[in-house]
């Protein structure tokens, strides 16, 4: 479970729940990132955040996807049956990879 809010024209996804293994699994009917970008706020301290888009609609990724300040956790996107636009920029620690419908930001 997560909550979407706005702060100075930047969208913020605040993670609200994690399981006993410190994993948060969020499903979306759609996931689009505009030019203003989006920030993940992991204030609950999940070790892994799985973001799953459950629609067949294409996702538009046109802005920054940020993990917040200096937080360290794994951020995954599952976008089956999707067409992707390439993000213009990223601002998370570590590396990222995209394979077979799975996008891993570690």
PDB file of N, CA and C in Angstrom:
ATOM      1  N   UNK A   1       0.838  -1.169   0.000  1.00  0.00           N
ATOM      2  CA  UNK A   1       0.000   0.000   0.000  1.00  0.00           C
ATOM      3  C   UNK A   1       0.890   1.241   0.000  1.00  0.00           C
ATOM      4  N   UNK A   2       0.445   2.244  -0.752  1.00  0.00           N
ATOM      5  CA  UNK A   2       1.204   3.488  -0.858  1.00  0.00           C
ATOM      6  C   UNK A   2       0.233   4.647  -1.038  1.00  0.00           C
ATOM      7  N   UNK A   3       0.742   5.849  -0.836  1.00  0.00           N
ATOM      8  CA  UNK A   3      -0.064   7.066  -0.966  1.00  0.00           C
ATOM      9  C   UNK A   3       0.634   8.010  -1.933  1.00  0.00           C
ATOM     10  N   UNK A   4      -0.119   8.577  -2.871  1.00  0.00           N
ATOM     11  CA  UNK A   4       0.415   9.538  -3.827  1.00  0.00           C
ATOM     12  C   UNK A   4       0.078  10.948  -3.361  1.00  0.00           C
ATOM     13  N   UNK A   5       1.091  11.829  -3.341  1.00  0.00           N
ATOM     14  CA  UNK A   5       0.881  13.232  -2.976  1.00  0.00           C
ATOM     15  C   UNK A   5       1.756  14.109  -3.861  1.00  0.00           C
ATOM     16  N   UNK A   6       1.600  15.416  -3.740  1.00  0.00           N
ATOM     17  CA  UNK A   6       2.380  16.383  -4.515  1.00  0.00           C
ATOM     18  C   UNK A   6       3.130  17.318  -3.581  1.00  0.00           C
ATOM     19  N   UNK A   7       4.365  17.673  -3.972  1.00  0.00           N
ATOM     20  CA  UNK A   7       5.160  18.632  -3.221  1.00  0.00           C
ATOM     21  C   UNK A   7       5.945  19.470  -4.217  1.00  0.00           C
ATOM     22  N   UNK A   8       5.577  20.736  -4.361  1.00  0.00           N
ATOM     23  CA  UNK A   8       6.256  21.638  -5.304  1.00  0.00           C
ATOM     24  C   UNK A   8       6.315  21.051  -6.706  1.00  0.00           C
ATOM     25  N   UNK A   9       5.172  20.621  -7.230  1.00  0.00           N
ATOM     26  CA  UNK A   9       5.049  20.056  -8.574  1.00  0.00           C
ATOM     27  C   UNK A   9       5.773  18.732  -8.763  1.00  0.00           C
ATOM     28  N   UNK A  10       6.272  18.111  -7.709  1.00  0.00           N
ATOM     29  CA  UNK A  10       6.906  16.790  -7.797  1.00  0.00           C
ATOM     30  C   UNK A  10       5.981  15.802  -7.102  1.00  0.00           C
ATOM     31  N   UNK A  11       5.646  14.705  -7.783  1.00  0.00           N
ATOM     32  CA  UNK A  11       4.793  13.680  -7.181  1.00  0.00           C
ATOM     33  C   UNK A  11       5.624  12.818  -6.240  1.00  0.00           C
ATOM     34  N   UNK A  12       5.021  12.435  -5.120  1.00  0.00           N
ATOM     35  CA  UNK A  12       5.698  11.611  -4.117  1.00  0.00           C
ATOM     36  C   UNK A  12       4.847  10.379  -3.852  1.00  0.00           C
ATOM     37  N   UNK A  13       5.462   9.200  -3.949  1.00  0.00           N
ATOM     38  CA  UNK A  13       4.811   7.955  -3.559  1.00  0.00           C
ATOM     39  C   UNK A  13       5.387   7.572  -2.206  1.00  0.00           C
ATOM     40  N   UNK A  14       4.548   7.632  -1.171  1.00  0.00           N
ATOM     41  CA  UNK A  14       4.973   7.272   0.183  1.00  0.00           C
ATOM     42  C   UNK A  14       4.578   5.826   0.446  1.00  0.00           C
ATOM     43  N   UNK A  15       5.563   4.989   0.742  1.00  0.00           N
ATOM     44  CA  UNK A  15       5.329   3.575   1.030  1.00  0.00           C
ATOM     45  C   UNK A  15       4.724   3.479   2.427  1.00  0.00           C
ATOM     46  N   UNK A  16       3.587   2.765   2.551  1.00  0.00           N
ATOM     47  CA  UNK A  16       2.869   2.705   3.822  1.00  0.00           C
ATOM     48  C   UNK A  16       2.926   1.344   4.507  1.00  0.00           C
ATOM     49  N   UNK A  17       3.201   0.276   3.756  1.00  0.00           N
ATOM     50  CA  UNK A  17       3.203  -1.060   4.357  1.00  0.00           C
ATOM     51  C   UNK A  17       4.355  -1.897   3.833  1.00  0.00           C
ATOM     52  N   UNK A  18       4.839  -2.790   4.689  1.00  0.00           N
ATOM     53  CA  UNK A  18       5.820  -3.806   4.308  1.00  0.00           C
ATOM     54  C   UNK A  18       5.446  -5.076   5.057  1.00  0.00           C
ATOM     55  N   UNK A  19       5.880  -6.228   4.523  1.00  0.00           N
ATOM     56  CA  UNK A  19       5.576  -7.478   5.211  1.00  0.00           C
ATOM     57  C   UNK A  19       6.687  -7.830   6.194  1.00  0.00           C
ATOM     58  N   UNK A  20       6.608  -9.017   6.795  1.00  0.00           N
ATOM     59  CA  UNK A  20       7.608  -9.434   7.790  1.00  0.00           C
ATOM     60  C   UNK A  20       9.003  -9.598   7.201  1.00  0.00           C
ATOM     61  N   UNK A  21       9.082  -9.752   5.876  1.00  0.00           N
ATOM     62  CA  UNK A  21      10.379  -9.854   5.191  1.00  0.00           C
ATOM     63  C   UNK A  21      10.872  -8.489   4.723  1.00  0.00           C
ATOM     64  N   UNK A  22      10.208  -7.419   5.138  1.00  0.00           N
ATOM     65  CA  UNK A  22      10.544  -6.032   4.775  1.00  0.00           C
ATOM     66  C   UNK A  22      10.364  -5.764   3.286  1.00  0.00           C
ATOM     67  N   UNK A  23       9.363  -6.427   2.672  1.00  0.00           N
ATOM     68  CA  UNK A  23       9.042  -6.236   1.260  1.00  0.00           C
ATOM     69  C   UNK A  23       7.717  -5.496   1.158  1.00  0.00           C
ATOM     70  N   UNK A  24       7.676  -4.480   0.311  1.00  0.00           N
ATOM     71  CA  UNK A  24       6.442  -3.769   0.000  1.00  0.00           C
ATOM     72  C   UNK A  24       6.097  -4.063  -1.453  1.00  0.00           C
ATOM     73  N   UNK A  25       4.859  -4.507  -1.709  1.00  0.00           N
ATOM     74  CA  UNK A  25       4.405  -4.822  -3.064  1.00  0.00           C
ATOM     75  C   UNK A  25       3.222  -3.911  -3.373  1.00  0.00           C
ATOM     76  N   UNK A  26       3.419  -3.027  -4.348  1.00  0.00           N
ATOM     77  CA  UNK A  26       2.404  -2.044  -4.716  1.00  0.00           C
ATOM     78  C   UNK A  26       1.925  -2.358  -6.128  1.00  0.00           C
ATOM     79  N   UNK A  27       0.606  -2.401  -6.332  1.00  0.00           N
ATOM     80  CA  UNK A  27       0.065  -2.594  -7.676  1.00  0.00           C
ATOM     81  C   UNK A  27      -0.575  -1.291  -8.151  1.00  0.00           C
ATOM     82  N   UNK A  28      -0.456  -1.054  -9.446  1.00  0.00           N
ATOM     83  CA  UNK A  28      -0.986   0.159 -10.070  1.00  0.00           C
ATOM     84  C   UNK A  28      -1.863  -0.236 -11.253  1.00  0.00           C
ATOM     85  N   UNK A  29      -2.977   0.469 -11.450  1.00  0.00           N
ATOM     86  CA  UNK A  29      -3.752   0.318 -12.676  1.00  0.00           C
ATOM     87  C   UNK A  29      -3.040   1.020 -13.823  1.00  0.00           C
ATOM     88  N   UNK A  30      -2.285   2.052 -13.501  1.00  0.00           N
ATOM     89  CA  UNK A  30      -1.429   2.732 -14.474  1.00  0.00           C
ATOM     90  C   UNK A  30      -0.259   3.351 -13.723  1.00  0.00           C
ATOM     91  N   UNK A  31       0.869   3.480 -14.417  1.00  0.00           N
ATOM     92  CA  UNK A  31       2.043   4.112 -13.809  1.00  0.00           C
ATOM     93  C   UNK A  31       2.687   4.983 -14.865  1.00  0.00           C
ATOM     94  N   UNK A  32       2.534   6.291 -14.719  1.00  0.00           N
ATOM     95  CA  UNK A  32       3.098   7.257 -15.650  1.00  0.00           C
ATOM     96  C   UNK A  32       3.908   8.278 -14.870  1.00  0.00           C
ATOM     97  N   UNK A  33       5.032   8.683 -15.440  1.00  0.00           N
ATOM     98  CA  UNK A  33       5.871   9.706 -14.822  1.00  0.00           C
ATOM     99  C   UNK A  33       5.978  10.858 -15.811  1.00  0.00           C
ATOM    100  N   UNK A  34       5.467  12.024 -15.414  1.00  0.00           N
ATOM    101  CA  UNK A  34       5.545  13.207 -16.260  1.00  0.00           C
ATOM    102  C   UNK A  34       6.911  13.862 -16.166  1.00  0.00           C
ATOM    103  N   UNK A  35       7.076  14.969 -16.855  1.00  0.00           N
ATOM    104  CA  UNK A  35       8.350  15.695 -16.852  1.00  0.00           C
ATOM    105  C   UNK A  35       8.771  16.135 -15.457  1.00  0.00           C
ATOM    106  N   UNK A  36       7.793  16.329 -14.550  1.00  0.00           N
ATOM    107  CA  UNK A  36       8.105  16.780 -13.187  1.00  0.00           C
ATOM    108  C   UNK A  36       8.762  15.690 -12.351  1.00  0.00           C
ATOM    109  N   UNK A  37       8.661  14.435 -12.762  1.00  0.00           N
ATOM    110  CA  UNK A  37       9.311  13.336 -12.047  1.00  0.00           C
ATOM    111  C   UNK A  37       8.500  12.816 -10.880  1.00  0.00           C
ATOM    112  N   UNK A  38       9.071  11.823 -10.201  1.00  0.00           N
ATOM    113  CA  UNK A  38       8.418  11.197  -9.055  1.00  0.00           C
ATOM    114  C   UNK A  38       9.474  10.776  -8.041  1.00  0.00           C
ATOM    115  N   UNK A  39       9.127  10.848  -6.762  1.00  0.00           N
ATOM    116  CA  UNK A  39      10.038  10.466  -5.679  1.00  0.00           C
ATOM    117  C   UNK A  39       9.379   9.356  -4.867  1.00  0.00           C
ATOM    118  N   UNK A  40      10.134   8.309  -4.550  1.00  0.00           N
ATOM    119  CA  UNK A  40       9.666   7.268  -3.639  1.00  0.00           C
ATOM    120  C   UNK A  40      10.134   7.613  -2.230  1.00  0.00           C
ATOM    121  N   UNK A  41       9.193   7.709  -1.292  1.00  0.00           N
ATOM    122  CA  UNK A  41       9.495   7.973   0.112  1.00  0.00           C
ATOM    123  C   UNK A  41       9.334   6.658   0.862  1.00  0.00           C
ATOM    124  N   UNK A  42      10.451   6.076   1.269  1.00  0.00           N
ATOM    125  CA  UNK A  42      10.466   4.785   1.956  1.00  0.00           C
ATOM    126  C   UNK A  42      10.643   4.995   3.455  1.00  0.00           C
ATOM    127  N   UNK A  43       9.785   5.827   4.047  1.00  0.00           N
ATOM    128  CA  UNK A  43       9.937   6.157   5.467  1.00  0.00           C
ATOM    129  C   UNK A  43       9.730   4.959   6.381  1.00  0.00           C
ATOM    130  N   UNK A  44       9.089   3.889   5.890  1.00  0.00           N
ATOM    131  CA  UNK A  44       8.883   2.701   6.728  1.00  0.00           C
ATOM    132  C   UNK A  44      10.087   1.765   6.699  1.00  0.00           C
ATOM    133  N   UNK A  45      11.041   2.002   5.803  1.00  0.00           N
ATOM    134  CA  UNK A  45      12.267   1.213   5.755  1.00  0.00           C
ATOM    135  C   UNK A  45      12.131  -0.157   5.122  1.00  0.00           C
ATOM    136  N   UNK A  46      11.341  -0.275   4.051  1.00  0.00           N
ATOM    137  CA  UNK A  46      11.269  -1.538   3.317  1.00  0.00           C
ATOM    138  C   UNK A  46      12.616  -1.802   2.647  1.00  0.00           C
ATOM    139  N   UNK A  47      13.050  -3.070   2.643  1.00  0.00           N
ATOM    140  CA  UNK A  47      14.297  -3.434   1.964  1.00  0.00           C
ATOM    141  C   UNK A  47      14.093  -3.572   0.462  1.00  0.00           C
ATOM    142  N   UNK A  48      12.898  -3.987   0.057  1.00  0.00           N
ATOM    143  CA  UNK A  48      12.561  -4.181  -1.350  1.00  0.00           C
ATOM    144  C   UNK A  48      11.183  -3.593  -1.602  1.00  0.00           C
ATOM    145  N   UNK A  49      11.059  -2.829  -2.683  1.00  0.00           N
ATOM    146  CA  UNK A  49       9.768  -2.274  -3.085  1.00  0.00           C
ATOM    147  C   UNK A  49       9.475  -2.785  -4.489  1.00  0.00           C
ATOM    148  N   UNK A  50       8.397  -3.569  -4.614  1.00  0.00           N
ATOM    149  CA  UNK A  50       7.978  -4.107  -5.904  1.00  0.00           C
ATOM    150  C   UNK A  50       6.811  -3.262  -6.395  1.00  0.00           C
ATOM    151  N   UNK A  51       6.970  -2.664  -7.557  1.00  0.00           N
ATOM    152  CA  UNK A  51       5.932  -1.844  -8.183  1.00  0.00           C
ATOM    153  C   UNK A  51       5.417  -2.611  -9.390  1.00  0.00           C
ATOM    154  N   UNK A  52       4.152  -3.036  -9.351  1.00  0.00           N
ATOM    155  CA  UNK A  52       3.594  -3.866 -10.419  1.00  0.00           C
ATOM    156  C   UNK A  52       2.446  -3.141 -11.104  1.00  0.00           C
ATOM    157  N   UNK A  53       2.587  -2.947 -12.426  1.00  0.00           N
ATOM    158  CA  UNK A  53       1.531  -2.337 -13.226  1.00  0.00           C
ATOM    159  C   UNK A  53       0.683  -3.473 -13.783  1.00  0.00           C
ATOM    160  N   UNK A  54      -0.608  -3.506 -13.427  1.00  0.00           N
ATOM    161  CA  UNK A  54      -1.470  -4.639 -13.756  1.00  0.00           C
ATOM    162  C   UNK A  54      -2.335  -4.400 -14.988  1.00  0.00           C
ATOM    163  N   UNK A  55      -2.168  -3.291 -15.658  1.00  0.00           N
ATOM    164  CA  UNK A  55      -2.945  -2.964 -16.846  1.00  0.00           C
ATOM    165  C   UNK A  55      -2.138  -3.287 -18.103  1.00  0.00           C
ATOM    166  N   UNK A  56      -2.823  -3.377 -19.219  1.00  0.00           N
ATOM    167  CA  UNK A  56      -2.137  -3.576 -20.503  1.00  0.00           C
ATOM    168  C   UNK A  56      -1.833  -2.243 -21.186  1.00  0.00           C
ATOM    169  N   UNK A  57      -2.180  -1.145 -20.554  1.00  0.00           N
ATOM    170  CA  UNK A  57      -1.912   0.179 -21.122  1.00  0.00           C
ATOM    171  C   UNK A  57      -0.428   0.507 -21.016  1.00  0.00           C
ATOM    172  N   UNK A  58       0.077   1.208 -22.012  1.00  0.00           N
ATOM    173  CA  UNK A  58       1.489   1.589 -22.016  1.00  0.00           C
ATOM    174  C   UNK A  58       1.782   2.592 -20.907  1.00  0.00           C
ATOM    175  N   UNK A  59       2.948   2.459 -20.292  1.00  0.00           N
ATOM    176  CA  UNK A  59       3.406   3.412 -19.278  1.00  0.00           C
ATOM    177  C   UNK A  59       4.287   4.458 -19.937  1.00  0.00           C
ATOM    178  N   UNK A  60       4.089   5.706 -19.579  1.00  0.00           N
ATOM    179  CA  UNK A  60       4.907   6.815 -20.064  1.00  0.00           C
ATOM    180  C   UNK A  60       5.877   7.200 -18.959  1.00  0.00           C
ATOM    181  N   UNK A  61       7.161   7.046 -19.208  1.00  0.00           N
ATOM    182  CA  UNK A  61       8.193   7.383 -18.223  1.00  0.00           C
ATOM    183  C   UNK A  61       9.030   8.516 -18.799  1.00  0.00           C
ATOM    184  N   UNK A  62       8.641   9.750 -18.493  1.00  0.00           N
ATOM    185  CA  UNK A  62       9.252  10.925 -19.113  1.00  0.00           C
ATOM    186  C   UNK A  62      10.051  11.805 -18.166  1.00  0.00           C
ATOM    187  N   UNK A  63      10.144  11.460 -16.905  1.00  0.00           N
ATOM    188  CA  UNK A  63      10.864  12.291 -15.943  1.00  0.00           C
ATOM    189  C   UNK A  63      11.688  11.450 -14.995  1.00  0.00           C
ATOM    190  N   UNK A  64      12.267  12.114 -14.000  1.00  0.00           N
ATOM    191  CA  UNK A  64      13.115  11.443 -13.015  1.00  0.00           C
ATOM    192  C   UNK A  64      12.302  10.500 -12.137  1.00  0.00           C
ATOM    193  N   UNK A  65      12.905   9.361 -11.796  1.00  0.00           N
ATOM    194  CA  UNK A  65      12.371   8.453 -10.785  1.00  0.00           C
ATOM    195  C   UNK A  65      13.416   8.426  -9.684  1.00  0.00           C
ATOM    196  N   UNK A  66      13.067   8.985  -8.516  1.00  0.00           N
ATOM    197  CA  UNK A  66      14.037   9.152  -7.434  1.00  0.00           C
ATOM    198  C   UNK A  66      13.679   8.279  -6.242  1.00  0.00           C
ATOM    199  N   UNK A  67      14.685   7.768  -5.568  1.00  0.00           N
ATOM    200  CA  UNK A  67      14.457   6.951  -4.378  1.00  0.00           C
ATOM    201  C   UNK A  67      14.483   7.768  -3.108  1.00  0.00           C
ATOM    202  N   UNK A  68      14.594   9.054  -3.192  1.00  0.00           N
ATOM    203  CA  UNK A  68      14.659   9.876  -1.989  1.00  0.00           C
ATOM    204  C   UNK A  68      16.094  10.225  -1.673  1.00  0.00           C
ATOM    205  N   UNK A  69      16.335  10.658  -0.462  1.00  0.00           N
ATOM    206  CA  UNK A  69      17.649  11.168  -0.085  1.00  0.00           C
ATOM    207  C   UNK A  69      18.743  10.128  -0.308  1.00  0.00           C
ATOM    208  N   UNK A  70      19.311   9.554   0.718  1.00  0.00           N
ATOM    209  CA  UNK A  70      20.390   8.578   0.524  1.00  0.00           C
ATOM    210  C   UNK A  70      19.933   7.191   0.941  1.00  0.00           C
ATOM    211  N   UNK A  71      18.634   6.909   0.717  1.00  0.00           N
ATOM    212  CA  UNK A  71      18.083   5.629   1.136  1.00  0.00           C
ATOM    213  C   UNK A  71      18.637   4.495   0.284  1.00  0.00           C
ATOM    214  N   UNK A  72      18.829   3.330   0.912  1.00  0.00           N
ATOM    215  CA  UNK A  72      19.352   2.163   0.205  1.00  0.00           C
ATOM    216  C   UNK A  72      18.321   1.049   0.278  1.00  0.00           C
ATOM    217  N   UNK A  73      17.726   0.721  -0.838  1.00  0.00           N
ATOM    218  CA  UNK A  73      16.791  -0.385  -0.933  1.00  0.00           C
ATOM    219  C   UNK A  73      16.662  -0.763  -2.397  1.00  0.00           C
ATOM    220  N   UNK A  74      16.077  -1.914  -2.658  1.00  0.00           N
ATOM    221  CA  UNK A  74      15.874  -2.367  -4.026  1.00  0.00           C
ATOM    222  C   UNK A  74      14.492  -1.928  -4.486  1.00  0.00           C
ATOM    223  N   UNK A  75      14.437  -1.388  -5.688  1.00  0.00           N
ATOM    224  CA  UNK A  75      13.194  -0.894  -6.271  1.00  0.00           C
ATOM    225  C   UNK A  75      12.987  -1.619  -7.594  1.00  0.00           C
ATOM    226  N   UNK A  76      11.903  -2.380  -7.721  1.00  0.00           N
ATOM    227  CA  UNK A  76      11.620  -3.157  -8.923  1.00  0.00           C
ATOM    228  C   UNK A  76      10.332  -2.672  -9.566  1.00  0.00           C
ATOM    229  N   UNK A  77      10.301  -2.702 -10.895  1.00  0.00           N
ATOM    230  CA  UNK A  77       9.085  -2.421 -11.647  1.00  0.00           C
ATOM    231  C   UNK A  77       8.750  -3.652 -12.478  1.00  0.00           C
ATOM    232  N   UNK A  78       7.495  -4.101 -12.411  1.00  0.00           N
ATOM    233  CA  UNK A  78       7.004  -5.201 -13.233  1.00  0.00           C
ATOM    234  C   UNK A  78       5.919  -4.607 -14.116  1.00  0.00           C
ATOM    235  N   UNK A  79       6.191  -4.569 -15.416  1.00  0.00           N
ATOM    236  CA  UNK A  79       5.273  -3.937 -16.357  1.00  0.00           C
ATOM    237  C   UNK A  79       5.007  -4.885 -17.514  1.00  0.00           C
ATOM    238  N   UNK A  80       4.339  -5.980 -17.259  1.00  0.00           N
ATOM    239  CA  UNK A  80       4.044  -6.961 -18.294  1.00  0.00           C
ATOM    240  C   UNK A  80       3.110  -6.370 -19.339  1.00  0.00           C
ATOM    241  N   UNK A  81       3.286  -6.797 -20.581  1.00  0.00           N
ATOM    242  CA  UNK A  81       2.451  -6.377 -21.698  1.00  0.00           C
ATOM    243  C   UNK A  81       2.487  -4.870 -21.906  1.00  0.00           C
ATOM    244  N   UNK A  82       3.598  -4.249 -21.604  1.00  0.00           N
ATOM    245  CA  UNK A  82       3.698  -2.794 -21.674  1.00  0.00           C
ATOM    246  C   UNK A  82       4.635  -2.364 -22.804  1.00  0.00           C
ATOM    247  N   UNK A  83       4.440  -1.156 -23.260  1.00  0.00           N
ATOM    248  CA  UNK A  83       5.407  -0.469 -24.112  1.00  0.00           C
ATOM    249  C   UNK A  83       6.007   0.614 -23.244  1.00  0.00           C
ATOM    250  N   UNK A  84       7.292   0.836 -23.372  1.00  0.00           N
ATOM    251  CA  UNK A  84       7.976   1.763 -22.472  1.00  0.00           C
ATOM    252  C   UNK A  84       8.579   2.905 -23.253  1.00  0.00           C
ATOM    253  N   UNK A  85       8.505   4.086 -22.706  1.00  0.00           N
ATOM    254  CA  UNK A  85       9.301   5.206 -23.179  1.00  0.00           C
ATOM    255  C   UNK A  85      10.501   5.293 -22.256  1.00  0.00           C
ATOM    256  N   UNK A  86      11.648   5.621 -22.777  1.00  0.00           N
ATOM    257  CA  UNK A  86      12.854   5.700 -21.960  1.00  0.00           C
ATOM    258  C   UNK A  86      12.813   6.930 -21.074  1.00  0.00           C
ATOM    259  N   UNK A  87      13.171   6.751 -19.821  1.00  0.00           N
ATOM    260  CA  UNK A  87      13.253   7.890 -18.898  1.00  0.00           C
ATOM    261  C   UNK A  87      14.376   8.814 -19.341  1.00  0.00           C
ATOM    262  N   UNK A  88      14.204  10.086 -19.119  1.00  0.00           N
ATOM    263  CA  UNK A  88      15.234  11.058 -19.460  1.00  0.00           C
ATOM    264  C   UNK A  88      16.357  11.077 -18.440  1.00  0.00           C
ATOM    265  N   UNK A  89      16.039  10.847 -17.177  1.00  0.00           N
ATOM    266  CA  UNK A  89      17.085  10.857 -16.152  1.00  0.00           C
ATOM    267  C   UNK A  89      16.623  10.085 -14.929  1.00  0.00           C
ATOM    268  N   UNK A  90      17.597   9.661 -14.142  1.00  0.00           N
ATOM    269  CA  UNK A  90      17.329   8.892 -12.941  1.00  0.00           C
ATOM    270  C   UNK A  90      18.129   9.510 -11.799  1.00  0.00           C
ATOM    271  N   UNK A  91      17.689   9.297 -10.569  1.00  0.00           N
ATOM    272  CA  UNK A  91      18.479   9.793  -9.442  1.00  0.00           C
ATOM    273  C   UNK A  91      18.333   8.842  -8.264  1.00  0.00           C
ATOM    274  N   UNK A  92      18.848   7.643  -8.422  1.00  0.00           N
ATOM    275  CA  UNK A  92      18.862   6.684  -7.328  1.00  0.00           C
ATOM    276  C   UNK A  92      20.266   6.166  -7.151  1.00  0.00           C
ATOM    277  N   UNK A  93      20.593   5.687  -5.967  1.00  0.00           N
ATOM    278  CA  UNK A  93      21.929   5.126  -5.742  1.00  0.00           C
ATOM    279  C   UNK A  93      22.052   3.762  -6.392  1.00  0.00           C
ATOM    280  N   UNK A  94      23.260   3.355  -6.725  1.00  0.00           N
ATOM    281  CA  UNK A  94      23.488   2.016  -7.266  1.00  0.00           C
ATOM    282  C   UNK A  94      23.290   1.981  -8.761  1.00  0.00           C
ATOM    283  N   UNK A  95      22.839   0.838  -9.272  1.00  0.00           N
ATOM    284  CA  UNK A  95      22.702   0.644 -10.707  1.00  0.00           C
ATOM    285  C   UNK A  95      21.283   0.224 -11.042  1.00  0.00           C
ATOM    286  N   UNK A  96      20.981   0.196 -12.334  1.00  0.00           N
ATOM    287  CA  UNK A  96      19.660  -0.226 -12.767  1.00  0.00           C
ATOM    288  C   UNK A  96      19.794  -1.170 -13.945  1.00  0.00           C
ATOM    289  N   UNK A  97      18.768  -1.980 -14.164  1.00  0.00           N
ATOM    290  CA  UNK A  97      18.752  -2.852 -15.331  1.00  0.00           C
ATOM    291  C   UNK A  97      17.313  -3.099 -15.741  1.00  0.00           C
ATOM    292  N   UNK A  98      17.110  -3.423 -17.015  1.00  0.00           N
ATOM    293  CA  UNK A  98      15.785  -3.696 -17.526  1.00  0.00           C
ATOM    294  C   UNK A  98      15.868  -4.970 -18.345  1.00  0.00           C
ATOM    295  N   UNK A  99      15.120  -6.007 -17.958  1.00  0.00           N
ATOM    296  CA  UNK A  99      15.130  -7.274 -18.687  1.00  0.00           C
ATOM    297  C   UNK A  99      13.735  -7.861 -18.713  1.00  0.00           C
ATOM    298  N   UNK A 100      13.286  -8.321 -19.856  1.00  0.00           N
ATOM    299  CA  UNK A 100      12.065  -9.115 -20.004  1.00  0.00           C
ATOM    300  C   UNK A 100      10.882  -8.587 -19.199  1.00  0.00           C
ATOM    301  N   UNK A 101      10.626  -7.307 -19.269  1.00  0.00           N
ATOM    302  CA  UNK A 101       9.486  -6.747 -18.568  1.00  0.00           C
ATOM    303  C   UNK A 101       9.738  -6.427 -17.116  1.00  0.00           C
ATOM    304  N   UNK A 102      10.944  -6.672 -16.626  1.00  0.00           N
ATOM    305  CA  UNK A 102      11.284  -6.359 -15.242  1.00  0.00           C
ATOM    306  C   UNK A 102      12.355  -5.285 -15.238  1.00  0.00           C
ATOM    307  N   UNK A 103      12.150  -4.257 -14.481  1.00  0.00           N
ATOM    308  CA  UNK A 103      13.108  -3.164 -14.382  1.00  0.00           C
ATOM    309  C   UNK A 103      13.580  -3.123 -12.956  1.00  0.00           C
ATOM    310  N   UNK A 104      14.857  -3.352 -12.746  1.00  0.00           N
ATOM    311  CA  UNK A 104      15.405  -3.447 -11.396  1.00  0.00           C
ATOM    312  C   UNK A 104      16.303  -2.257 -11.114  1.00  0.00           C
ATOM    313  N   UNK A 105      16.000  -1.531 -10.049  1.00  0.00           N
ATOM    314  CA  UNK A 105      16.819  -0.406  -9.621  1.00  0.00           C
ATOM    315  C   UNK A 105      17.424  -0.785  -8.289  1.00  0.00           C
ATOM    316  N   UNK A 106      18.717  -1.048  -8.253  1.00  0.00           N
ATOM    317  CA  UNK A 106      19.337  -1.545  -7.015  1.00  0.00           C
ATOM    318  C   UNK A 106      20.431  -0.611  -6.536  1.00  0.00           C
TER     319      UNK A 106
END
